[in-house]
PDB file of N, CA and C in Angstrom:
ATOM      1  N   MET A   1      10.978   1.153  -2.841  1.00  0.00           N
ATOM      2  CA  MET A   1      10.645   1.638  -4.039  1.00  0.00           C
ATOM      3  C   MET A   1      12.051   1.980  -4.700  1.00  0.00           C
ATOM      4  N   ARG A   2      12.197   1.514  -5.875  1.00  0.00           N
ATOM      5  CA  ARG A   2      13.487   2.018  -6.433  1.00  0.00           C
ATOM      6  C   ARG A   2      13.202   3.042  -7.532  1.00  0.00           C
ATOM      7  N   THR A   3      14.185   3.892  -7.660  1.00  0.00           N
ATOM      8  CA  THR A   3      14.049   4.961  -8.607  1.00  0.00           C
ATOM      9  C   THR A   3      15.201   4.808  -9.742  1.00  0.00           C
ATOM     10  N   VAL A   4      14.666   5.114 -10.879  1.00  0.00           N
ATOM     11  CA  VAL A   4      15.444   4.890 -12.062  1.00  0.00           C
ATOM     12  C   VAL A   4      15.196   6.104 -13.128  1.00  0.00           C
ATOM     13  N   ASN A   5      16.095   6.362 -13.798  1.00  0.00           N
ATOM     14  CA  ASN A   5      16.183   7.375 -14.661  1.00  0.00           C
ATOM     15  C   ASN A   5      15.364   6.933 -16.002  1.00  0.00           C
ATOM     16  N   ILE A   6      15.116   7.846 -16.835  1.00  0.00           N
ATOM     17  CA  ILE A   6      14.037   7.541 -18.112  1.00  0.00           C
ATOM     18  C   ILE A   6      14.991   6.701 -18.955  1.00  0.00           C
ATOM     19  N   HIS A   7      16.264   6.751 -19.297  1.00  0.00           N
ATOM     20  CA  HIS A   7      17.138   5.871 -20.055  1.00  0.00           C
ATOM     21  C   HIS A   7      16.978   4.530 -19.425  1.00  0.00           C
ATOM     22  N   GLU A   8      17.233   4.172 -18.224  1.00  0.00           N
ATOM     23  CA  GLU A   8      17.443   3.112 -17.558  1.00  0.00           C
ATOM     24  C   GLU A   8      16.088   2.249 -17.734  1.00  0.00           C
ATOM     25  N   ALA A   9      14.726   3.152 -17.468  1.00  0.00           N
ATOM     26  CA  ALA A   9      13.662   2.560 -17.436  1.00  0.00           C
ATOM     27  C   ALA A   9      13.329   1.871 -18.980  1.00  0.00           C
ATOM     28  N   LYS A  10      13.606   2.740 -19.956  1.00  0.00           N
ATOM     29  CA  LYS A  10      13.387   2.428 -21.417  1.00  0.00           C
ATOM     30  C   LYS A  10      14.319   1.095 -21.799  1.00  0.00           C
ATOM     31  N   THR A  11      15.462   1.072 -21.282  1.00  0.00           N
ATOM     32  CA  THR A  11      16.478  -0.033 -21.579  1.00  0.00           C
ATOM     33  C   THR A  11      16.113  -1.335 -20.904  1.00  0.00           C
ATOM     34  N   HIS A  12      15.502  -1.205 -19.598  1.00  0.00           N
ATOM     35  CA  HIS A  12      15.385  -2.487 -18.713  1.00  0.00           C
ATOM     36  C   HIS A  12      13.815  -2.551 -18.454  1.00  0.00           C
ATOM     37  N   LEU A  13      13.053  -2.104 -19.439  1.00  0.00           N
ATOM     38  CA  LEU A  13      11.581  -2.032 -18.905  1.00  0.00           C
ATOM     39  C   LEU A  13      11.313  -3.583 -18.626  1.00  0.00           C
ATOM     40  N   SER A  14      11.409  -4.584 -19.361  1.00  0.00           N
ATOM     41  CA  SER A  14      11.118  -5.933 -19.032  1.00  0.00           C
ATOM     42  C   SER A  14      11.419  -6.370 -17.561  1.00  0.00           C
ATOM     43  N   ARG A  15      12.633  -5.825 -17.079  1.00  0.00           N
ATOM     44  CA  ARG A  15      13.256  -6.151 -15.993  1.00  0.00           C
ATOM     45  C   ARG A  15      12.266  -5.501 -14.893  1.00  0.00           C
ATOM     46  N   LEU A  16      12.051  -4.326 -15.031  1.00  0.00           N
ATOM     47  CA  LEU A  16      11.441  -3.273 -14.008  1.00  0.00           C
ATOM     48  C   LEU A  16       9.895  -4.050 -14.072  1.00  0.00           C
ATOM     49  N   LEU A  17       9.137  -4.474 -15.181  1.00  0.00           N
ATOM     50  CA  LEU A  17       7.766  -5.067 -15.069  1.00  0.00           C
ATOM     51  C   LEU A  17       7.927  -6.426 -14.321  1.00  0.00           C
ATOM     52  N   ALA A  18       9.170  -7.150 -14.375  1.00  0.00           N
ATOM     53  CA  ALA A  18       9.044  -8.331 -13.477  1.00  0.00           C
ATOM     54  C   ALA A  18       9.119  -7.917 -12.228  1.00  0.00           C
ATOM     55  N   ARG A  19       9.865  -7.135 -11.910  1.00  0.00           N
ATOM     56  CA  ARG A  19       9.987  -6.422 -10.303  1.00  0.00           C
ATOM     57  C   ARG A  19       8.521  -6.042  -9.793  1.00  0.00           C
ATOM     58  N   MET A  20       7.921  -5.400 -10.791  1.00  0.00           N
ATOM     59  CA  MET A  20       6.455  -5.036 -10.546  1.00  0.00           C
ATOM     60  C   MET A  20       5.372  -6.131 -10.215  1.00  0.00           C
ATOM     61  N   SER A  21       5.611  -7.149 -10.985  1.00  0.00           N
ATOM     62  CA  SER A  21       4.862  -8.123 -10.804  1.00  0.00           C
ATOM     63  C   SER A  21       5.037  -8.974  -9.616  1.00  0.00           C
ATOM     64  N   ALA A  22       6.119  -8.878  -8.912  1.00  0.00           N
ATOM     65  CA  ALA A  22       6.350  -9.200  -7.685  1.00  0.00           C
ATOM     66  C   ALA A  22       5.993  -8.235  -6.512  1.00  0.00           C
ATOM     67  N   GLY A  23       5.269  -7.403  -7.070  1.00  0.00           N
ATOM     68  CA  GLY A  23       4.763  -6.313  -5.952  1.00  0.00           C
ATOM     69  C   GLY A  23       5.642  -5.036  -5.803  1.00  0.00           C
ATOM     70  N   ALA A  24       6.701  -4.831  -6.270  1.00  0.00           N
ATOM     71  CA  ALA A  24       7.687  -3.694  -6.185  1.00  0.00           C
ATOM     72  C   ALA A  24       7.045  -2.606  -6.887  1.00  0.00           C
ATOM     73  N   GLU A  25       7.406  -1.172  -6.573  1.00  0.00           N
ATOM     74  CA  GLU A  25       6.901   0.004  -7.074  1.00  0.00           C
ATOM     75  C   GLU A  25       8.246   0.738  -7.613  1.00  0.00           C
ATOM     76  N   VAL A  26       8.122   1.295  -8.732  1.00  0.00           N
ATOM     77  CA  VAL A  26       9.275   1.902  -9.431  1.00  0.00           C
ATOM     78  C   VAL A  26       8.880   3.251  -9.591  1.00  0.00           C
ATOM     79  N   VAL A  27       9.840   4.294  -9.414  1.00  0.00           N
ATOM     80  CA  VAL A  27       9.681   5.567  -9.906  1.00  0.00           C
ATOM     81  C   VAL A  27      10.804   5.952 -10.952  1.00  0.00           C
ATOM     82  N   ILE A  28      10.099   6.713 -11.848  1.00  0.00           N
ATOM     83  CA  ILE A  28      10.975   7.045 -13.124  1.00  0.00           C
ATOM     84  C   ILE A  28      11.027   8.559 -12.909  1.00  0.00           C
ATOM     85  N   ALA A  29      12.574   8.958 -12.851  1.00  0.00           N
ATOM     86  CA  ALA A  29      13.104  10.253 -12.663  1.00  0.00           C
ATOM     87  C   ALA A  29      13.737  10.840 -13.907  1.00  0.00           C
ATOM     88  N   LYS A  30      13.585  12.186 -13.969  1.00  0.00           N
ATOM     89  CA  LYS A  30      14.408  12.732 -14.948  1.00  0.00           C
ATOM     90  C   LYS A  30      15.413  13.811 -14.284  1.00  0.00           C
ATOM     91  N   ALA A  31      16.528  13.666 -14.454  1.00  0.00           N
ATOM     92  CA  ALA A  31      17.518  14.533 -13.797  1.00  0.00           C
ATOM     93  C   ALA A  31      17.426  14.687 -12.313  1.00  0.00           C
ATOM     94  N   GLY A  32      16.775  13.250 -11.877  1.00  0.00           N
ATOM     95  CA  GLY A  32      16.916  12.922 -10.111  1.00  0.00           C
ATOM     96  C   GLY A  32      15.639  13.536  -9.787  1.00  0.00           C
ATOM     97  N   LYS A  33      14.764  14.298 -10.702  1.00  0.00           N
ATOM     98  CA  LYS A  33      13.460  14.650 -10.009  1.00  0.00           C
ATOM     99  C   LYS A  33      12.101  13.490 -10.448  1.00  0.00           C
ATOM    100  N   PRO A  34      11.658  12.975  -9.459  1.00  0.00           N
ATOM    101  CA  PRO A  34      10.520  12.053  -9.950  1.00  0.00           C
ATOM    102  C   PRO A  34       9.496  12.443 -10.653  1.00  0.00           C
ATOM    103  N   LEU A  35       9.202  11.815 -11.891  1.00  0.00           N
ATOM    104  CA  LEU A  35       8.128  12.210 -12.920  1.00  0.00           C
ATOM    105  C   LEU A  35       6.973  11.218 -12.808  1.00  0.00           C
ATOM    106  N   ALA A  36       7.239   9.875 -12.596  1.00  0.00           N
ATOM    107  CA  ALA A  36       6.090   8.856 -12.613  1.00  0.00           C
ATOM    108  C   ALA A  36       6.449   7.852 -11.612  1.00  0.00           C
ATOM    109  N   ARG A  37       5.302   7.369 -11.095  1.00  0.00           N
ATOM    110  CA  ARG A  37       5.497   5.977 -10.293  1.00  0.00           C
ATOM    111  C   ARG A  37       4.591   4.920 -10.962  1.00  0.00           C
ATOM    112  N   LEU A  38       5.458   3.687 -11.318  1.00  0.00           N
ATOM    113  CA  LEU A  38       5.080   2.577 -11.530  1.00  0.00           C
ATOM    114  C   LEU A  38       4.600   1.700 -10.670  1.00  0.00           C
ATOM    115  N   ILE A  39       3.223   1.287 -10.419  1.00  0.00           N
ATOM    116  CA  ILE A  39       2.713   0.311  -9.490  1.00  0.00           C
ATOM    117  C   ILE A  39       2.254  -0.866 -10.077  1.00  0.00           C
ATOM    118  N   PRO A  40       2.157  -1.982  -9.459  1.00  0.00           N
ATOM    119  CA  PRO A  40       1.472  -3.067  -9.843  1.00  0.00           C
ATOM    120  C   PRO A  40      -0.016  -3.015  -9.971  1.00  0.00           C
ATOM    121  N   ILE A  41      -0.779  -3.517 -10.983  1.00  0.00           N
ATOM    122  CA  ILE A  41      -2.026  -3.509 -10.997  1.00  0.00           C
ATOM    123  C   ILE A  41      -2.817  -4.476 -10.004  1.00  0.00           C
ATOM    124  N   ARG A  42      -3.531  -4.232  -9.059  1.00  0.00           N
ATOM    125  CA  ARG A  42      -4.011  -5.067  -8.295  1.00  0.00           C
ATOM    126  C   ARG A  42      -5.160  -5.786  -8.646  1.00  0.00           C
ATOM    127  N   ARG A  43      -5.165  -7.203  -8.785  1.00  0.00           N
ATOM    128  CA  ARG A  43      -6.234  -7.993  -9.391  1.00  0.00           C
ATOM    129  C   ARG A  43      -7.539  -7.498  -8.472  1.00  0.00           C
ATOM    130  N   ALA A  44      -8.696  -7.542  -9.570  1.00  0.00           N
ATOM    131  CA  ALA A  44      -9.940  -7.294  -8.865  1.00  0.00           C
ATOM    132  C   ALA A  44     -10.543  -8.384  -8.013  1.00  0.00           C
ATOM    133  N   PRO A  45     -10.775  -8.226  -7.093  1.00  0.00           N
ATOM    134  CA  PRO A  45     -11.526  -9.236  -6.036  1.00  0.00           C
ATOM    135  C   PRO A  45     -12.361 -10.187  -6.810  1.00  0.00           C
ATOM    136  N   ARG A  46     -12.493 -11.384  -6.336  1.00  0.00           N
ATOM    137  CA  ARG A  46     -13.391 -12.269  -6.982  1.00  0.00           C
ATOM    138  C   ARG A  46     -14.948 -11.778  -6.510  1.00  0.00           C
ATOM    139  N   PRO A  47     -15.833 -12.052  -7.479  1.00  0.00           N
ATOM    140  CA  PRO A  47     -17.226 -11.859  -6.728  1.00  0.00           C
ATOM    141  C   PRO A  47     -17.651 -12.607  -5.555  1.00  0.00           C
ATOM    142  N   ARG A  48     -18.632 -11.950  -4.829  1.00  0.00           N
ATOM    143  CA  ARG A  48     -18.852 -12.754  -3.610  1.00  0.00           C
ATOM    144  C   ARG A  48     -20.001 -13.640  -3.914  1.00  0.00           C
ATOM    145  N   ARG A  49     -19.828 -14.856  -3.241  1.00  0.00           N
ATOM    146  CA  ARG A  49     -20.911 -15.830  -3.575  1.00  0.00           C
ATOM    147  C   ARG A  49     -22.024 -15.715  -2.218  1.00  0.00           C
ATOM    148  N   LEU A  50     -23.249 -15.543  -2.700  1.00  0.00           N
ATOM    149  CA  LEU A  50     -24.435 -15.450  -1.800  1.00  0.00           C
ATOM    150  C   LEU A  50     -24.732 -16.539  -1.258  1.00  0.00           C
ATOM    151  N   GLY A  51     -24.954 -16.656   0.157  1.00  0.00           N
ATOM    152  CA  GLY A  51     -25.537 -17.906   0.656  1.00  0.00           C
ATOM    153  C   GLY A  51     -24.465 -18.757   1.361  1.00  0.00           C
ATOM    154  N   VAL A  52     -23.336 -18.407   1.221  1.00  0.00           N
ATOM    155  CA  VAL A  52     -21.926 -19.196   1.898  1.00  0.00           C
ATOM    156  C   VAL A  52     -22.401 -19.364   3.226  1.00  0.00           C
ATOM    157  N   LEU A  53     -23.011 -18.622   4.137  1.00  0.00           N
ATOM    158  CA  LEU A  53     -23.153 -18.758   5.563  1.00  0.00           C
ATOM    159  C   LEU A  53     -24.639 -19.224   5.631  1.00  0.00           C
ATOM    160  N   ALA A  54     -25.460 -19.640   4.727  1.00  0.00           N
ATOM    161  CA  ALA A  54     -26.787 -20.131   4.925  1.00  0.00           C
ATOM    162  C   ALA A  54     -26.660 -21.265   5.849  1.00  0.00           C
ATOM    163  N   GLY A  55     -27.838 -21.142   7.086  1.00  0.00           N
ATOM    164  CA  GLY A  55     -27.979 -22.274   8.051  1.00  0.00           C
ATOM    165  C   GLY A  55     -26.935 -21.997   9.012  1.00  0.00           C
ATOM    166  N   ARG A  56     -26.039 -21.269   9.146  1.00  0.00           N
ATOM    167  CA  ARG A  56     -24.852 -21.235   9.962  1.00  0.00           C
ATOM    168  C   ARG A  56     -25.192 -19.841  11.088  1.00  0.00           C
ATOM    169  N   LEU A  57     -26.010 -18.973  10.775  1.00  0.00           N
ATOM    170  CA  LEU A  57     -26.253 -17.744  11.395  1.00  0.00           C
ATOM    171  C   LEU A  57     -27.663 -17.699  11.853  1.00  0.00           C
ATOM    172  N   THR A  58     -28.178 -17.110  12.923  1.00  0.00           N
ATOM    173  CA  THR A  58     -29.389 -17.069  13.669  1.00  0.00           C
ATOM    174  C   THR A  58     -29.582 -15.370  13.722  1.00  0.00           C
ATOM    175  N   VAL A  59     -30.595 -15.052  13.563  1.00  0.00           N
ATOM    176  CA  VAL A  59     -30.708 -13.647  13.969  1.00  0.00           C
ATOM    177  C   VAL A  59     -31.935 -13.695  15.123  1.00  0.00           C
ATOM    178  N   PRO A  60     -31.576 -13.094  16.211  1.00  0.00           N
ATOM    179  CA  PRO A  60     -32.416 -12.864  17.424  1.00  0.00           C
ATOM    180  C   PRO A  60     -33.969 -12.433  16.973  1.00  0.00           C
ATOM    181  N   ALA A  61     -34.894 -13.005  17.559  1.00  0.00           N
ATOM    182  CA  ALA A  61     -36.276 -12.421  17.383  1.00  0.00           C
ATOM    183  C   ALA A  61     -36.617 -10.916  17.339  1.00  0.00           C
ATOM    184  N   GLY A  62     -35.899 -10.264  18.501  1.00  0.00           N
ATOM    185  CA  GLY A  62     -35.892  -8.819  18.569  1.00  0.00           C
ATOM    186  C   GLY A  62     -35.199  -7.954  17.868  1.00  0.00           C
ATOM    187  N   PHE A  63     -34.277  -8.469  16.889  1.00  0.00           N
ATOM    188  CA  PHE A  63     -33.129  -7.659  16.320  1.00  0.00           C
ATOM    189  C   PHE A  63     -33.674  -6.548  15.781  1.00  0.00           C
ATOM    190  N   ASP A  64     -34.886  -6.389  14.958  1.00  0.00           N
ATOM    191  CA  ASP A  64     -34.950  -4.983  14.418  1.00  0.00           C
ATOM    192  C   ASP A  64     -36.260  -4.341  15.348  1.00  0.00           C
ATOM    193  N   ALA A  65     -36.089  -4.715  16.605  1.00  0.00           N
ATOM    194  CA  ALA A  65     -37.229  -3.828  17.537  1.00  0.00           C
ATOM    195  C   ALA A  65     -36.458  -2.446  17.854  1.00  0.00           C
ATOM    196  N   PRO A  66     -37.349  -1.370  18.143  1.00  0.00           N
ATOM    197  CA  PRO A  66     -36.765  -0.423  18.626  1.00  0.00           C
ATOM    198  C   PRO A  66     -35.912  -0.337  19.659  1.00  0.00           C
ATOM    199  N   LEU A  67     -35.064   0.708  19.704  1.00  0.00           N
ATOM    200  CA  LEU A  67     -34.111   0.753  20.781  1.00  0.00           C
ATOM    201  C   LEU A  67     -34.661   1.207  22.241  1.00  0.00           C
ATOM    202  N   PRO A  68     -34.141   0.889  23.127  1.00  0.00           N
ATOM    203  CA  PRO A  68     -34.654   1.657  24.483  1.00  0.00           C
ATOM    204  C   PRO A  68     -34.278   3.011  24.463  1.00  0.00           C
ATOM    205  N   GLY A  69     -35.220   3.897  25.173  1.00  0.00           N
ATOM    206  CA  GLY A  69     -34.821   5.405  25.026  1.00  0.00           C
ATOM    207  C   GLY A  69     -33.516   5.856  25.518  1.00  0.00           C
ATOM    208  N   ASP A  70     -32.841   5.074  26.557  1.00  0.00           N
ATOM    209  CA  ASP A  70     -31.584   5.488  26.845  1.00  0.00           C
ATOM    210  C   ASP A  70     -30.720   5.257  26.013  1.00  0.00           C
ATOM    211  N   ALA A  71     -30.765   3.890  25.180  1.00  0.00           N
ATOM    212  CA  ALA A  71     -29.717   3.742  24.262  1.00  0.00           C
ATOM    213  C   ALA A  71     -29.845   4.574  22.866  1.00  0.00           C
ATOM    214  N   LEU A  72     -31.047   4.795  22.569  1.00  0.00           N
ATOM    215  CA  LEU A  72     -31.225   5.760  21.490  1.00  0.00           C
ATOM    216  C   LEU A  72     -30.808   7.201  21.794  1.00  0.00           C
ATOM    217  N   ASP A  73     -30.939   7.772  23.021  1.00  0.00           N
ATOM    218  CA  ASP A  73     -30.390   8.847  23.296  1.00  0.00           C
ATOM    219  C   ASP A  73     -28.884   8.905  23.206  1.00  0.00           C
ATOM    220  N   ALA A  74     -28.120   7.699  23.784  1.00  0.00           N
ATOM    221  CA  ALA A  74     -26.724   7.792  23.592  1.00  0.00           C
ATOM    222  C   ALA A  74     -26.242   7.714  22.169  1.00  0.00           C
ATOM    223  N   PHE A  75     -26.832   7.077  21.292  1.00  0.00           N
ATOM    224  CA  PHE A  75     -26.550   7.100  19.810  1.00  0.00           C
ATOM    225  C   PHE A  75     -26.922   8.403  19.193  1.00  0.00           C
ATOM    226  N   GLU A  76     -27.665   9.337  19.561  1.00  0.00           N
ATOM    227  CA  GLU A  76     -27.884  10.690  19.208  1.00  0.00           C
ATOM    228  C   GLU A  76     -27.160  11.687  19.739  1.00  0.00           C
ATOM    229  N   GLY A  77     -26.384  11.232  20.813  1.00  0.00           N
ATOM    230  CA  GLY A  77     -25.632  12.269  21.577  1.00  0.00           C
ATOM    231  C   GLY A  77     -26.488  12.879  22.688  1.00  0.00           C
ATOM    232  N   ARG A  78     -27.322  12.504  23.131  1.00  0.00           N
ATOM    233  CA  ARG A  78     -28.258  13.237  23.994  1.00  0.00           C
ATOM    234  C   ARG A  78     -28.158  12.694  25.463  1.00  0.00           C
ATOM    235  N   GLY A  79     -27.192  11.695  25.632  1.00  0.00           N
ATOM    236  CA  GLY A  79     -26.996  10.966  26.867  1.00  0.00           C
ATOM    237  C   GLY A  79     -25.755  10.793  27.443  1.00  0.00           C
TER     238      GLY A  79
END
C-alpha cells in the first residue's frame, strides 16, 4: 500500500488510478497523517446459473428423515 500526499495525488491521479486498476491500494495523507484510502472496486460476481449440476448429484432417500436421538442430542448440546 503506497502513501501519497494530497498534492501528489492531485498531480498524478491518472497514475494512481492505473495502479489501483491493477489491484493496488493508495493512502492519501495530509502532513503525513492518513486521510483516505483509495481501493479498487471489486467487480460484482456473475449471476449464478441454476441447474448447472442437474443430473450429476443424487440425494439419498432418507436425507430429510429425523435424526436419531443421540445425534440430535449432540447437536443440541445435551450429549
